[in-house]
Amino acid sequence: MSWLAVFIGGGIGSLMRFGVSKLSLLLFPTKLPLGTFLSNLISCLIIGLALGVFKDKMDSSENLYFLLIIGLCGGFSTFSTFSYESIKMIQDGMVLYALLNVLFSVLFCFGIIWYMTKT
C-alpha cells in the first residue's frame, strides 16, 4: 500500500506546487523563480515538522511517511526546476541573481530542516 500513499501524496504535492507558482506570479510578477523558491522552502518546512516535531508519528506509521515525505514533499519540491531556472538566469545574463538563488535556496532549505530536526 505504500505505493498508493506515494501516488496520492505526489499528486497533491504537484498540485500544491502548481498553485504556489501561479499564486506567486499573480502576487509578485517577476522574472525571478519565486514560486520554485517558495515551494522548496515550504516543502522543507513540512519535512522539518514531520521529522522533527512529529517524529514519533512518522516512526510509527510507514504510510504517513510515504504520504508526506516521499509523496507530498517529493511532488511539491523540485530540484530539477530549481536547477533549470538557475541555469536559465545565468544564460540570460542574470548571474548574480542565479548565484543568490542557489545560495539562499540551499542555506534556507538546509537551515529549516537542520533546525527542525536537531535533537
N, C-alpha and C. Protein backbone atom coordinates (compact mmCIF):
# COMPACT_ATOMS: atom_id res chain seq x y z
N MET A 1 0.80 -1.21 0.00
CA MET A 1 0.00 0.00 0.00
C MET A 1 0.84 1.27 0.00
N SER A 2 2.16 1.15 0.23
CA SER A 2 3.00 2.35 0.26
C SER A 2 2.98 3.08 -1.08
N TRP A 3 2.87 2.35 -2.17
CA TRP A 3 2.84 2.98 -3.49
C TRP A 3 1.62 3.89 -3.63
N LEU A 4 0.50 3.51 -3.02
CA LEU A 4 -0.71 4.34 -3.09
C LEU A 4 -0.53 5.63 -2.29
N ALA A 5 0.12 5.53 -1.14
CA ALA A 5 0.40 6.73 -0.34
C ALA A 5 1.31 7.68 -1.11
N VAL A 6 2.34 7.15 -1.78
CA VAL A 6 3.25 7.98 -2.58
C VAL A 6 2.49 8.61 -3.74
N PHE A 7 1.64 7.84 -4.39
CA PHE A 7 0.85 8.31 -5.52
C PHE A 7 -0.07 9.47 -5.11
N ILE A 8 -0.79 9.29 -4.03
CA ILE A 8 -1.72 10.33 -3.57
C ILE A 8 -0.94 11.57 -3.10
N GLY A 9 0.07 11.36 -2.28
CA GLY A 9 0.87 12.48 -1.81
C GLY A 9 1.55 13.24 -2.93
N GLY A 10 2.09 12.51 -3.90
CA GLY A 10 2.75 13.13 -5.04
C GLY A 10 1.80 13.97 -5.88
N GLY A 11 0.59 13.46 -6.07
CA GLY A 11 -0.41 14.23 -6.82
C GLY A 11 -0.79 15.52 -6.10
N ILE A 12 -1.01 15.41 -4.80
CA ILE A 12 -1.35 16.60 -4.01
C ILE A 12 -0.18 17.58 -4.00
N GLY A 13 1.03 17.08 -3.82
CA GLY A 13 2.22 17.94 -3.81
C GLY A 13 2.42 18.66 -5.13
N SER A 14 2.20 17.96 -6.24
CA SER A 14 2.34 18.57 -7.56
C SER A 14 1.30 19.67 -7.77
N LEU A 15 0.09 19.43 -7.33
CA LEU A 15 -0.95 20.46 -7.43
C LEU A 15 -0.63 21.66 -6.54
N MET A 16 -0.08 21.39 -5.36
CA MET A 16 0.32 22.48 -4.47
C MET A 16 1.42 23.32 -5.12
N ARG A 17 2.39 22.66 -5.74
CA ARG A 17 3.47 23.37 -6.40
C ARG A 17 2.95 24.23 -7.54
N PHE A 18 2.05 23.69 -8.32
CA PHE A 18 1.43 24.44 -9.41
C PHE A 18 0.71 25.67 -8.85
N GLY A 19 -0.04 25.48 -7.76
CA GLY A 19 -0.76 26.59 -7.15
C GLY A 19 0.16 27.67 -6.59
N VAL A 20 1.22 27.26 -5.93
CA VAL A 20 2.18 28.23 -5.37
C VAL A 20 2.84 29.02 -6.50
N SER A 21 3.20 28.35 -7.58
CA SER A 21 3.82 29.04 -8.71
C SER A 21 2.88 30.05 -9.34
N LYS A 22 1.65 29.65 -9.57
CA LYS A 22 0.66 30.56 -10.17
C LYS A 22 0.36 31.73 -9.23
N LEU A 23 0.18 31.45 -7.95
CA LEU A 23 -0.13 32.49 -6.98
C LEU A 23 1.03 33.47 -6.81
N SER A 24 2.25 32.96 -6.79
CA SER A 24 3.40 33.85 -6.63
C SER A 24 3.55 34.77 -7.84
N LEU A 25 3.28 34.25 -9.04
CA LEU A 25 3.34 35.10 -10.24
C LEU A 25 2.24 36.15 -10.24
N LEU A 26 1.10 35.78 -9.73
CA LEU A 26 -0.02 36.72 -9.66
C LEU A 26 0.26 37.83 -8.65
N LEU A 27 0.78 37.46 -7.50
CA LEU A 27 1.03 38.45 -6.43
C LEU A 27 2.33 39.21 -6.62
N PHE A 28 3.36 38.55 -7.16
CA PHE A 28 4.68 39.16 -7.32
C PHE A 28 5.22 38.89 -8.72
N PRO A 29 4.69 39.61 -9.73
CA PRO A 29 5.17 39.37 -11.10
C PRO A 29 6.65 39.73 -11.23
N THR A 30 7.47 38.73 -11.49
CA THR A 30 8.91 38.92 -11.60
C THR A 30 9.50 37.84 -12.48
N LYS A 31 10.70 38.09 -12.98
CA LYS A 31 11.41 37.08 -13.77
C LYS A 31 12.13 36.08 -12.86
N LEU A 32 12.20 36.41 -11.58
CA LEU A 32 12.87 35.52 -10.63
C LEU A 32 11.98 34.32 -10.32
N PRO A 33 12.56 33.16 -10.06
CA PRO A 33 11.79 31.93 -9.81
C PRO A 33 11.26 31.86 -8.37
N LEU A 34 10.44 32.80 -8.01
CA LEU A 34 9.92 32.88 -6.64
C LEU A 34 9.04 31.66 -6.30
N GLY A 35 8.25 31.21 -7.24
CA GLY A 35 7.38 30.06 -6.99
C GLY A 35 8.16 28.80 -6.63
N THR A 36 9.23 28.54 -7.34
CA THR A 36 10.07 27.38 -7.04
C THR A 36 10.73 27.55 -5.68
N PHE A 37 11.25 28.75 -5.42
CA PHE A 37 11.89 29.03 -4.14
C PHE A 37 10.91 28.79 -2.99
N LEU A 38 9.70 29.33 -3.11
CA LEU A 38 8.69 29.16 -2.05
C LEU A 38 8.26 27.71 -1.90
N SER A 39 8.07 27.02 -3.01
CA SER A 39 7.68 25.60 -2.95
C SER A 39 8.74 24.78 -2.22
N ASN A 40 10.00 25.03 -2.54
CA ASN A 40 11.08 24.28 -1.89
C ASN A 40 11.17 24.63 -0.40
N LEU A 41 11.01 25.91 -0.06
CA LEU A 41 11.04 26.30 1.35
C LEU A 41 9.90 25.66 2.14
N ILE A 42 8.70 25.73 1.60
CA ILE A 42 7.53 25.17 2.29
C ILE A 42 7.67 23.66 2.41
N SER A 43 8.19 23.02 1.37
CA SER A 43 8.40 21.58 1.42
C SER A 43 9.40 21.21 2.51
N CYS A 44 10.46 22.00 2.63
CA CYS A 44 11.45 21.75 3.69
C CYS A 44 10.84 21.98 5.06
N LEU A 45 9.97 22.94 5.18
CA LEU A 45 9.27 23.19 6.44
C LEU A 45 8.39 21.99 6.80
N ILE A 46 7.70 21.44 5.81
CA ILE A 46 6.86 20.26 6.04
C ILE A 46 7.72 19.07 6.47
N ILE A 47 8.82 18.86 5.78
CA ILE A 47 9.72 17.76 6.15
C ILE A 47 10.27 17.98 7.55
N GLY A 48 10.68 19.21 7.84
CA GLY A 48 11.21 19.52 9.16
C GLY A 48 10.20 19.27 10.26
N LEU A 49 8.97 19.72 10.03
CA LEU A 49 7.90 19.48 11.02
C LEU A 49 7.63 17.99 11.18
N ALA A 50 7.52 17.30 10.04
CA ALA A 50 7.20 15.88 10.08
C ALA A 50 8.28 15.06 10.78
N LEU A 51 9.54 15.34 10.46
CA LEU A 51 10.63 14.54 11.02
C LEU A 51 11.13 15.06 12.35
N GLY A 52 10.85 16.31 12.66
CA GLY A 52 11.30 16.90 13.92
C GLY A 52 10.22 16.89 14.97
N VAL A 53 9.16 17.62 14.72
CA VAL A 53 8.10 17.79 15.71
C VAL A 53 7.23 16.53 15.83
N PHE A 54 6.93 15.89 14.71
CA PHE A 54 6.04 14.73 14.71
C PHE A 54 6.81 13.43 14.45
N LYS A 55 8.05 13.37 14.92
CA LYS A 55 8.91 12.21 14.68
C LYS A 55 8.28 10.90 15.14
N ASP A 56 7.66 10.91 16.32
CA ASP A 56 7.06 9.68 16.85
C ASP A 56 5.96 9.15 15.93
N LYS A 57 5.14 10.06 15.40
CA LYS A 57 4.07 9.64 14.49
C LYS A 57 4.66 9.10 13.18
N MET A 58 5.73 9.72 12.71
CA MET A 58 6.38 9.27 11.48
C MET A 58 7.00 7.89 11.67
N ASP A 59 7.62 7.69 12.83
CA ASP A 59 8.25 6.40 13.12
C ASP A 59 7.23 5.27 13.24
N SER A 60 6.03 5.60 13.72
CA SER A 60 5.03 4.57 13.95
C SER A 60 4.14 4.30 12.73
N SER A 61 4.19 5.18 11.72
CA SER A 61 3.32 5.00 10.56
C SER A 61 4.12 5.11 9.27
N GLU A 62 4.43 3.97 8.69
CA GLU A 62 5.17 3.96 7.43
C GLU A 62 4.37 4.63 6.32
N ASN A 63 3.05 4.42 6.29
CA ASN A 63 2.22 5.03 5.25
C ASN A 63 2.20 6.55 5.36
N LEU A 64 2.21 7.08 6.58
CA LEU A 64 2.26 8.53 6.77
C LEU A 64 3.57 9.09 6.24
N TYR A 65 4.66 8.38 6.49
CA TYR A 65 5.97 8.78 5.96
C TYR A 65 5.94 8.80 4.43
N PHE A 66 5.43 7.74 3.82
CA PHE A 66 5.36 7.68 2.36
C PHE A 66 4.45 8.76 1.79
N LEU A 67 3.34 9.02 2.46
CA LEU A 67 2.39 10.04 2.01
C LEU A 67 3.00 11.44 2.07
N LEU A 68 3.56 11.81 3.23
CA LEU A 68 4.05 13.17 3.43
C LEU A 68 5.45 13.41 2.88
N ILE A 69 6.40 12.59 3.26
CA ILE A 69 7.80 12.84 2.93
C ILE A 69 8.10 12.48 1.48
N ILE A 70 7.82 11.25 1.11
CA ILE A 70 8.15 10.80 -0.25
C ILE A 70 7.17 11.39 -1.27
N GLY A 71 5.88 11.28 -1.01
CA GLY A 71 4.87 11.72 -1.97
C GLY A 71 4.67 13.23 -2.01
N LEU A 72 4.11 13.79 -0.93
CA LEU A 72 3.75 15.21 -0.91
C LEU A 72 4.98 16.10 -1.12
N CYS A 73 6.01 15.92 -0.32
CA CYS A 73 7.19 16.77 -0.45
C CYS A 73 7.96 16.49 -1.73
N GLY A 74 7.94 15.25 -2.18
CA GLY A 74 8.59 14.92 -3.45
C GLY A 74 7.89 15.59 -4.63
N GLY A 75 6.58 15.65 -4.58
CA GLY A 75 5.82 16.32 -5.64
C GLY A 75 5.82 17.83 -5.51
N PHE A 76 5.95 18.32 -4.29
CA PHE A 76 5.86 19.75 -4.02
C PHE A 76 7.19 20.46 -4.27
N SER A 77 8.30 19.84 -3.87
CA SER A 77 9.60 20.46 -4.08
C SER A 77 10.15 20.02 -5.43
N THR A 78 11.11 20.76 -5.92
CA THR A 78 11.62 20.40 -7.23
C THR A 78 13.06 20.87 -7.42
N PHE A 79 13.97 19.94 -7.38
CA PHE A 79 15.38 20.28 -7.59
C PHE A 79 15.66 20.51 -9.07
N SER A 80 14.99 19.76 -9.93
CA SER A 80 15.24 19.90 -11.36
C SER A 80 14.82 21.27 -11.88
N THR A 81 13.66 21.75 -11.45
CA THR A 81 13.20 23.07 -11.88
C THR A 81 14.10 24.15 -11.28
N PHE A 82 14.47 24.01 -10.03
CA PHE A 82 15.39 24.94 -9.38
C PHE A 82 16.70 25.02 -10.18
N SER A 83 17.24 23.88 -10.58
CA SER A 83 18.49 23.84 -11.34
C SER A 83 18.31 24.50 -12.71
N TYR A 84 17.23 24.14 -13.39
CA TYR A 84 16.97 24.72 -14.71
C TYR A 84 16.82 26.24 -14.64
N GLU A 85 16.03 26.72 -13.68
CA GLU A 85 15.81 28.15 -13.58
C GLU A 85 17.09 28.90 -13.23
N SER A 86 17.94 28.31 -12.42
CA SER A 86 19.21 28.93 -12.08
C SER A 86 20.12 29.00 -13.31
N ILE A 87 20.18 27.93 -14.09
CA ILE A 87 20.98 27.93 -15.31
C ILE A 87 20.42 28.91 -16.33
N LYS A 88 19.11 28.97 -16.44
CA LYS A 88 18.45 29.91 -17.37
C LYS A 88 18.79 31.35 -17.01
N MET A 89 18.83 31.68 -15.71
CA MET A 89 19.20 33.03 -15.30
C MET A 89 20.64 33.33 -15.70
N ILE A 90 21.54 32.37 -15.57
CA ILE A 90 22.93 32.57 -15.99
C ILE A 90 22.98 32.82 -17.49
N GLN A 91 22.27 32.01 -18.25
CA GLN A 91 22.24 32.17 -19.71
C GLN A 91 21.65 33.51 -20.12
N ASP A 92 20.73 34.04 -19.32
CA ASP A 92 20.10 35.33 -19.61
C ASP A 92 20.89 36.51 -19.06
N GLY A 93 22.08 36.24 -18.55
CA GLY A 93 22.93 37.31 -18.04
C GLY A 93 22.62 37.75 -16.62
N MET A 94 21.80 37.02 -15.92
CA MET A 94 21.42 37.35 -14.54
C MET A 94 22.24 36.50 -13.56
N VAL A 95 23.56 36.58 -13.71
CA VAL A 95 24.46 35.71 -12.96
C VAL A 95 24.34 35.94 -11.46
N LEU A 96 24.30 37.19 -11.03
CA LEU A 96 24.19 37.48 -9.60
C LEU A 96 22.89 36.92 -9.03
N TYR A 97 21.78 37.08 -9.74
CA TYR A 97 20.51 36.54 -9.28
C TYR A 97 20.54 35.02 -9.21
N ALA A 98 21.20 34.39 -10.18
CA ALA A 98 21.32 32.94 -10.17
C ALA A 98 22.12 32.46 -8.96
N LEU A 99 23.23 33.15 -8.70
CA LEU A 99 24.05 32.77 -7.55
C LEU A 99 23.31 33.00 -6.24
N LEU A 100 22.59 34.11 -6.14
CA LEU A 100 21.80 34.37 -4.94
C LEU A 100 20.68 33.34 -4.78
N ASN A 101 20.07 32.94 -5.90
CA ASN A 101 19.03 31.91 -5.86
C ASN A 101 19.58 30.61 -5.30
N VAL A 102 20.74 30.19 -5.79
CA VAL A 102 21.37 28.96 -5.31
C VAL A 102 21.74 29.10 -3.84
N LEU A 103 22.38 30.20 -3.49
CA LEU A 103 22.83 30.42 -2.12
C LEU A 103 21.66 30.44 -1.14
N PHE A 104 20.65 31.25 -1.42
CA PHE A 104 19.51 31.36 -0.50
C PHE A 104 18.72 30.06 -0.43
N SER A 105 18.54 29.41 -1.56
CA SER A 105 17.78 28.15 -1.56
C SER A 105 18.47 27.10 -0.70
N VAL A 106 19.76 26.94 -0.91
CA VAL A 106 20.49 25.92 -0.15
C VAL A 106 20.55 26.28 1.33
N LEU A 107 20.91 27.53 1.63
CA LEU A 107 21.02 27.94 3.03
C LEU A 107 19.69 27.84 3.77
N PHE A 108 18.64 28.38 3.18
CA PHE A 108 17.35 28.36 3.87
C PHE A 108 16.76 26.96 3.97
N CYS A 109 16.84 26.18 2.88
CA CYS A 109 16.27 24.83 2.92
C CYS A 109 17.03 23.93 3.89
N PHE A 110 18.36 23.96 3.81
CA PHE A 110 19.14 23.18 4.77
C PHE A 110 18.90 23.67 6.18
N GLY A 111 18.88 24.98 6.34
CA GLY A 111 18.68 25.57 7.67
C GLY A 111 17.36 25.18 8.30
N ILE A 112 16.30 25.21 7.52
CA ILE A 112 14.98 24.84 8.04
C ILE A 112 14.99 23.39 8.53
N ILE A 113 15.46 22.48 7.70
CA ILE A 113 15.44 21.07 8.09
C ILE A 113 16.40 20.81 9.24
N TRP A 114 17.58 21.42 9.22
CA TRP A 114 18.53 21.24 10.32
C TRP A 114 17.92 21.73 11.63
N TYR A 115 17.35 22.91 11.62
CA TYR A 115 16.78 23.48 12.84
C TYR A 115 15.61 22.65 13.37
N MET A 116 14.75 22.20 12.46
CA MET A 116 13.55 21.48 12.88
C MET A 116 13.85 20.05 13.33
N THR A 117 14.95 19.47 12.87
CA THR A 117 15.21 18.07 13.20
C THR A 117 16.37 17.88 14.17
N LYS A 118 16.99 18.96 14.62
CA LYS A 118 18.11 18.78 15.56
C LYS A 118 17.58 18.25 16.89
N THR A 119 18.36 17.40 17.50
CA THR A 119 17.90 16.80 18.76
C THR A 119 18.82 17.18 19.89
